């Protein structure tokens, strides 16, 4: 590992509200494809990030659903916000919670929850944190 370069991120959390597991990883797309052999798609689909629902078989043969969030760039706050929007949609669909105008506040707060949780880990990889004024630079 080059001096000053931090290793890729590989973190897992269990959501206390909906009891789903979210796995967050950063790094080259090749590493994600090795980690999840079930992820298929064109190379164009794996540009800078993605969210997938995975099925995990535990040692006792129980099956658990897990959500994988991947970002190639471990310093990009803006890609994180984009992917957490997809994450929330996947989780709500999995739990049969309507993703609609009626529950938009719950959606917004849940996305904020995941954005903060993941950015807490990611922000250790960057020198400066994004400011509210940084509009699409």
Protein backbone atom coordinates (compact mmCIF):
# COMPACT_ATOMS: atom_id res chain seq x y z
CA UNK A 1 0.00 0.00 0.00
CA UNK A 2 1.37 3.38 -0.99
CA UNK A 3 2.31 5.81 1.75
CA UNK A 4 -0.64 7.97 2.75
CA UNK A 5 -3.16 5.78 0.90
CA UNK A 6 -5.83 4.29 3.11
CA UNK A 7 -7.27 0.84 2.52
CA UNK A 8 -10.67 0.22 0.99
CA UNK A 9 -13.74 0.26 3.23
CA UNK A 10 -15.60 -2.92 4.13
CA UNK A 11 -18.26 -2.30 6.79
CA UNK A 12 -21.51 -4.01 7.80
CA UNK A 13 -24.43 -2.72 9.90
CA UNK A 14 -27.75 -4.07 11.14
CA UNK A 15 -30.56 -1.50 10.96
CA UNK A 16 -32.24 -1.29 14.39
CA UNK A 17 -35.56 -0.17 12.90
CA UNK A 18 -36.14 -2.55 9.99
CA UNK A 19 -33.71 -5.32 11.02
CA UNK A 20 -31.98 -5.45 7.64
CA UNK A 21 -28.25 -5.82 7.14
CA UNK A 22 -26.41 -3.30 4.99
CA UNK A 23 -22.91 -4.02 3.76
CA UNK A 24 -20.85 -1.10 2.45
CA UNK A 25 -17.75 -1.60 0.33
CA UNK A 26 -15.42 0.59 -1.71
CA UNK A 27 -12.85 -0.30 -4.32
CA UNK A 28 -12.48 -1.50 -7.87
CA UNK A 29 -15.45 -3.18 -9.53
CA UNK A 30 -13.39 -6.37 -9.92
CA UNK A 31 -13.30 -6.74 -6.11
CA UNK A 32 -17.09 -6.40 -5.87
CA UNK A 33 -17.63 -9.00 -8.59
CA UNK A 34 -15.33 -11.40 -6.70
CA UNK A 35 -17.18 -10.71 -3.44
CA UNK A 36 -20.62 -11.28 -5.00
CA UNK A 37 -20.55 -13.83 -7.73
CA UNK A 38 -24.32 -13.35 -8.14
CA UNK A 39 -23.92 -9.79 -9.40
CA UNK A 40 -24.13 -9.78 -13.14
CA UNK A 41 -24.34 -7.04 -15.68
CA UNK A 42 -22.58 -5.15 -18.38
CA UNK A 43 -19.39 -3.32 -17.51
CA UNK A 44 -21.25 -0.06 -18.18
CA UNK A 45 -23.56 -0.83 -15.25
CA UNK A 46 -20.60 -0.77 -12.87
CA UNK A 47 -19.40 2.77 -13.45
CA UNK A 48 -18.96 4.29 -10.01
CA UNK A 49 -21.37 2.61 -7.61
CA UNK A 50 -24.37 0.42 -7.09
CA UNK A 51 -26.82 -1.20 -4.69
CA UNK A 52 -27.85 -4.85 -4.71
CA UNK A 53 -30.01 -7.14 -2.62
CA UNK A 54 -28.12 -10.34 -1.83
CA UNK A 55 -29.18 -13.66 -0.36
CA UNK A 56 -26.86 -15.01 2.31
CA UNK A 57 -27.03 -18.58 3.61
CA UNK A 58 -25.85 -18.84 7.20
CA UNK A 59 -24.07 -21.81 8.76
CA UNK A 60 -27.32 -23.11 10.20
CA UNK A 61 -28.93 -23.07 6.71
CA UNK A 62 -31.07 -20.02 7.51
CA UNK A 63 -31.38 -17.53 4.67
CA UNK A 64 -30.87 -13.83 5.25
CA UNK A 65 -31.31 -10.89 2.90
CA UNK A 66 -28.53 -8.34 2.85
CA UNK A 67 -28.09 -5.12 0.93
CA UNK A 68 -24.74 -4.24 -0.60
CA UNK A 69 -23.81 -0.63 -1.30
CA UNK A 70 -20.67 -0.21 -3.39
CA UNK A 71 -18.75 2.92 -4.33
CA UNK A 72 -15.59 2.85 -6.38
CA UNK A 73 -14.49 6.25 -5.01
CA UNK A 74 -14.38 6.10 -1.22
CA UNK A 75 -14.22 9.90 -0.98
CA UNK A 76 -17.30 10.89 -3.01
CA UNK A 77 -20.06 12.26 -0.80
CA UNK A 78 -22.24 12.98 -3.84
CA UNK A 79 -22.12 9.39 -5.14
CA UNK A 80 -22.95 8.25 -1.62
CA UNK A 81 -26.10 10.39 -1.53
CA UNK A 82 -27.12 8.97 -4.92
CA UNK A 83 -26.61 5.35 -3.86
CA UNK A 84 -28.34 5.76 -0.48
CA UNK A 85 -31.46 6.88 -2.39
CA UNK A 86 -31.35 3.53 -4.20
CA UNK A 87 -30.64 1.70 -0.94
CA UNK A 88 -33.73 3.11 0.76
CA UNK A 89 -35.88 2.24 -2.24
CA UNK A 90 -34.56 -1.36 -2.26
CA UNK A 91 -35.16 -1.77 1.48
CA UNK A 92 -38.69 -0.35 1.32
CA UNK A 93 -39.55 -2.60 -1.64
CA UNK A 94 -38.13 -5.64 0.18
CA UNK A 95 -40.27 -4.86 3.24
CA UNK A 96 -43.36 -4.14 1.09
CA UNK A 97 -43.47 -0.55 2.31
CA UNK A 98 -44.98 1.73 -0.29
CA UNK A 99 -42.38 4.11 -1.68
CA UNK A 100 -44.74 7.02 -2.26
CA UNK A 101 -45.61 10.66 -1.67
CA UNK A 102 -47.50 9.73 1.52
CA UNK A 103 -44.36 8.55 3.31
CA UNK A 104 -41.84 10.97 1.80
CA UNK A 105 -40.68 12.17 5.24
CA UNK A 106 -39.91 8.62 6.35
CA UNK A 107 -38.00 8.10 3.10
CA UNK A 108 -36.02 11.31 3.58
CA UNK A 109 -35.15 10.55 7.22
CA UNK A 110 -34.16 6.97 6.40
CA UNK A 111 -31.90 8.15 3.58
CA UNK A 112 -30.36 10.69 5.94
CA UNK A 113 -29.77 7.89 8.48
CA UNK A 114 -27.80 5.79 5.98
CA UNK A 115 -25.98 8.76 4.46
CA UNK A 116 -24.76 9.88 7.90
CA UNK A 117 -23.83 6.36 9.01
CA UNK A 118 -21.80 5.60 5.89
CA UNK A 119 -20.30 9.10 5.55
CA UNK A 120 -19.02 8.81 9.12
CA UNK A 121 -16.76 6.00 7.88
CA UNK A 122 -15.99 7.56 4.48
CA UNK A 123 -15.12 11.00 5.86
CA UNK A 124 -12.03 9.53 7.50
CA UNK A 125 -10.69 9.03 3.95
CA UNK A 126 -10.83 12.69 2.90
CA UNK A 127 -9.07 15.86 3.99
CA UNK A 128 -12.04 18.22 3.73
CA UNK A 129 -15.71 17.57 4.14
CA UNK A 130 -18.30 18.89 1.64
CA UNK A 131 -19.90 22.21 2.43
CA UNK A 132 -23.50 23.17 1.73
CA UNK A 133 -22.26 25.70 -0.85
CA UNK A 134 -20.55 23.01 -2.98
CA UNK A 135 -23.23 22.73 -5.67
CA UNK A 136 -22.18 20.18 -8.32
CA UNK A 137 -18.61 21.28 -8.81
